[in-house]
Amino acid sequence: MKQFENRWIFEFFEEKSDAIIKSMFGGLALYYQGQLKMLLSENAGDYSYRGKEYDFEVWNGVLIATDRIHHESLLKQFPFLVNHPVLPKWLYLPFTFEGWEERIEMITRLVRSADPRVGVWPQEKSRKKTKKKSVKKLVKKKVAKKSVSKSKKPAKRH
């Protein structure tokens, strides 16, 4: 597993029974109290997305999982956050922003306090339709095999 230099931001949560830290999108995701709260991404060097240049690295910081309805209040409270260019419904704190360590501590305190503005419920995994199709194909193959084997039976000799 990739080693993350800034994994320390999750230290408080590592001992919590209702916290899960796991790989996601090449980063580390924090699930706390059932919700996806933050994503730590350490991929330096990429300053552009879909032809647009940014003054920060797009995948080198911490993404805060939230819904757009909370952006206004969160941005007012934490004006150093920006919308993530790839996942615009999430807010973002790039490592290149001045004082990011103190700022991420402010965000982790917000997460620890169970602020309802931070976090999204994971979507339930739906069953793939391809499985249903493959079952139908198997049934058709079995029916076809039976009809072929019946037609290949040798004629009875008297």
Protein backbone atom coordinates (compact mmCIF):
# COMPACT_ATOMS: atom_id res chain seq x y z
CA MET A 1 0.00 0.00 0.00
CA LYS A 2 1.19 3.51 -0.81
CA GLN A 3 2.68 5.41 2.13
CA PHE A 4 1.11 8.83 2.74
CA GLU A 5 3.28 11.57 4.18
CA ASN A 6 0.26 13.44 5.57
CA ARG A 7 -1.64 10.48 7.02
CA TRP A 8 -1.24 12.19 10.41
CA ILE A 9 -4.39 14.19 9.67
CA PHE A 10 -6.36 10.98 10.35
CA GLU A 11 -4.59 10.10 13.65
CA PHE A 12 -7.57 11.01 15.82
CA PHE A 13 -9.83 8.71 13.81
CA GLU A 14 -7.50 5.68 13.66
CA GLU A 15 -8.52 4.52 17.14
CA LYS A 16 -12.23 5.16 16.69
CA SER A 17 -14.45 2.12 16.20
CA ASP A 18 -16.77 4.08 13.91
CA ALA A 19 -13.96 5.24 11.59
CA ILE A 20 -12.63 3.47 8.51
CA ILE A 21 -9.61 4.63 6.54
CA LYS A 22 -9.21 2.97 3.17
CA SER A 23 -7.80 3.45 -0.33
CA MET A 24 -9.90 5.39 -2.80
CA PHE A 25 -8.97 7.11 -6.10
CA GLY A 26 -5.27 6.58 -5.33
CA GLY A 27 -5.65 8.39 -2.02
CA LEU A 28 -6.88 7.64 1.50
CA ALA A 29 -10.54 8.08 2.33
CA LEU A 30 -11.90 8.69 5.81
CA TYR A 31 -15.31 7.25 6.62
CA TYR A 32 -16.55 8.38 10.02
CA GLN A 33 -19.89 7.55 11.60
CA GLY A 34 -20.96 5.92 8.34
CA GLN A 35 -20.23 8.88 6.07
CA LEU A 36 -17.37 9.62 3.70
CA LYS A 37 -15.78 12.73 5.23
CA MET A 38 -12.39 13.43 3.64
CA LEU A 39 -10.02 12.17 0.97
CA LEU A 40 -6.26 12.62 1.29
CA SER A 41 -4.58 12.78 -2.12
CA GLU A 42 -0.81 13.08 -2.60
CA ASN A 43 -0.18 13.27 -6.33
CA ALA A 44 1.97 16.32 -6.96
CA GLY A 45 2.51 18.06 -10.27
CA ASP A 46 -0.87 18.22 -12.01
CA TYR A 47 -2.06 21.83 -12.29
CA SER A 48 -4.66 21.43 -15.03
CA TYR A 49 -7.96 19.71 -15.69
CA ARG A 50 -9.84 19.66 -19.01
CA GLY A 51 -7.59 22.33 -20.47
CA LYS A 52 -7.98 24.77 -17.57
CA GLU A 53 -4.93 25.74 -15.52
CA TYR A 54 -5.11 26.20 -11.74
CA ASP A 55 -2.69 27.89 -9.36
CA PHE A 56 -2.72 24.77 -7.18
CA GLU A 57 -2.14 21.07 -7.73
CA VAL A 58 -5.42 19.37 -8.54
CA TRP A 59 -4.70 16.07 -6.71
CA ASN A 60 -2.32 17.14 -3.93
CA GLY A 61 -4.32 18.05 -0.86
CA VAL A 62 -7.40 17.12 1.12
CA LEU A 63 -10.89 16.92 -0.35
CA ILE A 64 -13.77 17.58 2.03
CA ALA A 65 -16.87 15.58 1.16
CA THR A 66 -19.98 17.75 1.33
CA ASP A 67 -23.09 18.67 -0.60
CA ARG A 68 -23.41 21.89 -2.57
CA ILE A 69 -26.12 23.19 -0.24
CA HIS A 70 -23.42 23.56 2.46
CA HIS A 71 -20.80 25.32 0.32
CA GLU A 72 -21.87 28.87 1.14
CA SER A 73 -21.69 28.42 4.92
CA LEU A 74 -18.49 26.35 4.81
CA LEU A 75 -16.74 28.82 2.48
CA LYS A 76 -17.82 31.68 4.71
CA GLN A 77 -16.38 29.92 7.77
CA PHE A 78 -13.31 28.59 5.91
CA PRO A 79 -12.53 31.04 3.07
CA PHE A 80 -9.29 29.20 2.30
CA LEU A 81 -11.22 26.24 0.82
CA VAL A 82 -11.91 26.02 -2.91
CA ASN A 83 -14.20 23.88 -5.03
CA HIS A 84 -12.33 20.88 -6.34
CA PRO A 85 -11.97 21.18 -10.14
CA VAL A 86 -12.74 17.50 -10.83
CA LEU A 87 -15.27 16.89 -8.05
CA PRO A 88 -16.86 20.36 -7.72
CA LYS A 89 -19.42 19.34 -5.12
CA TRP A 90 -16.52 18.72 -2.75
CA LEU A 91 -14.33 21.40 -1.22
CA TYR A 92 -10.55 21.24 -1.34
CA LEU A 93 -7.52 22.34 0.63
CA PRO A 94 -4.34 22.01 -1.47
CA PHE A 95 -1.06 21.40 0.36
CA THR A 96 0.45 24.41 -1.42
CA PHE A 97 -1.84 26.86 0.41
CA GLU A 98 -0.02 28.79 3.10
CA GLY A 99 -0.62 27.44 6.60
CA TRP A 100 -2.43 24.35 5.35
CA GLU A 101 -1.44 22.28 8.42
CA GLU A 102 -3.28 24.59 10.81
CA ARG A 103 -6.17 24.86 8.39
CA ILE A 104 -6.59 21.10 8.01
CA GLU A 105 -6.62 20.80 11.80
CA MET A 106 -9.58 23.21 11.80
CA ILE A 107 -11.35 20.97 9.29
CA THR A 108 -10.61 17.76 11.23
CA ARG A 109 -12.03 19.38 14.38
CA LEU A 110 -15.17 20.13 12.38
CA VAL A 111 -15.36 16.49 11.27
CA ARG A 112 -14.81 15.24 14.84
CA SER A 113 -17.65 17.45 16.05
CA ALA A 114 -20.02 15.63 13.66
CA ASP A 115 -20.95 18.86 11.87
CA PRO A 116 -23.78 17.86 9.51
CA ARG A 117 -22.33 19.98 6.68
CA VAL A 118 -19.38 17.63 6.27
CA GLY A 119 -19.85 14.13 4.94
CA VAL A 120 -21.79 12.26 2.31
CA TRP A 121 -23.54 8.93 2.64
CA PRO A 122 -22.02 6.27 0.42
CA GLN A 123 -24.32 5.06 -2.32
CA GLU A 124 -25.49 1.49 -2.09
CA LYS A 125 -23.86 -0.72 -4.64
CA SER A 126 -26.42 -1.79 -7.18
CA ARG A 127 -26.39 -5.20 -8.75
CA LYS A 128 -24.98 -5.18 -12.21
CA LYS A 129 -27.44 -5.88 -15.01
CA THR A 130 -24.78 -7.90 -16.79
CA LYS A 131 -25.11 -10.61 -14.16
CA LYS A 132 -28.80 -10.95 -14.96
CA LYS A 133 -28.00 -11.16 -18.65
CA SER A 134 -25.38 -13.82 -18.07
CA VAL A 135 -27.87 -15.91 -16.07
CA LYS A 136 -30.36 -15.63 -18.93
CA LYS A 137 -27.65 -16.68 -21.38
CA LEU A 138 -26.78 -19.68 -19.23
CA VAL A 139 -30.42 -20.77 -19.15
CA LYS A 140 -30.65 -20.39 -22.94
CA LYS A 141 -27.46 -22.42 -23.37
CA LYS A 142 -28.78 -25.21 -21.13
CA VAL A 143 -32.06 -25.30 -23.05
CA ALA A 144 -30.15 -25.34 -26.35
CA LYS A 145 -27.89 -28.17 -25.11
CA LYS A 146 -30.89 -30.23 -24.02
CA SER A 147 -32.59 -29.85 -27.39
CA VAL A 148 -29.36 -30.72 -29.22
CA SER A 149 -28.73 -33.76 -27.04
CA LYS A 150 -32.32 -34.95 -27.56
CA SER A 151 -31.95 -34.64 -31.32
CA LYS A 152 -28.66 -36.57 -31.25
CA LYS A 153 -30.12 -39.64 -29.50
CA PRO A 154 -29.55 -42.75 -31.58
CA ALA A 155 -32.63 -44.33 -33.06
CA LYS A 156 -33.85 -47.49 -31.35
CA ARG A 157 -33.17 -50.72 -33.22
CA HIS A 158 -35.79 -53.42 -33.24
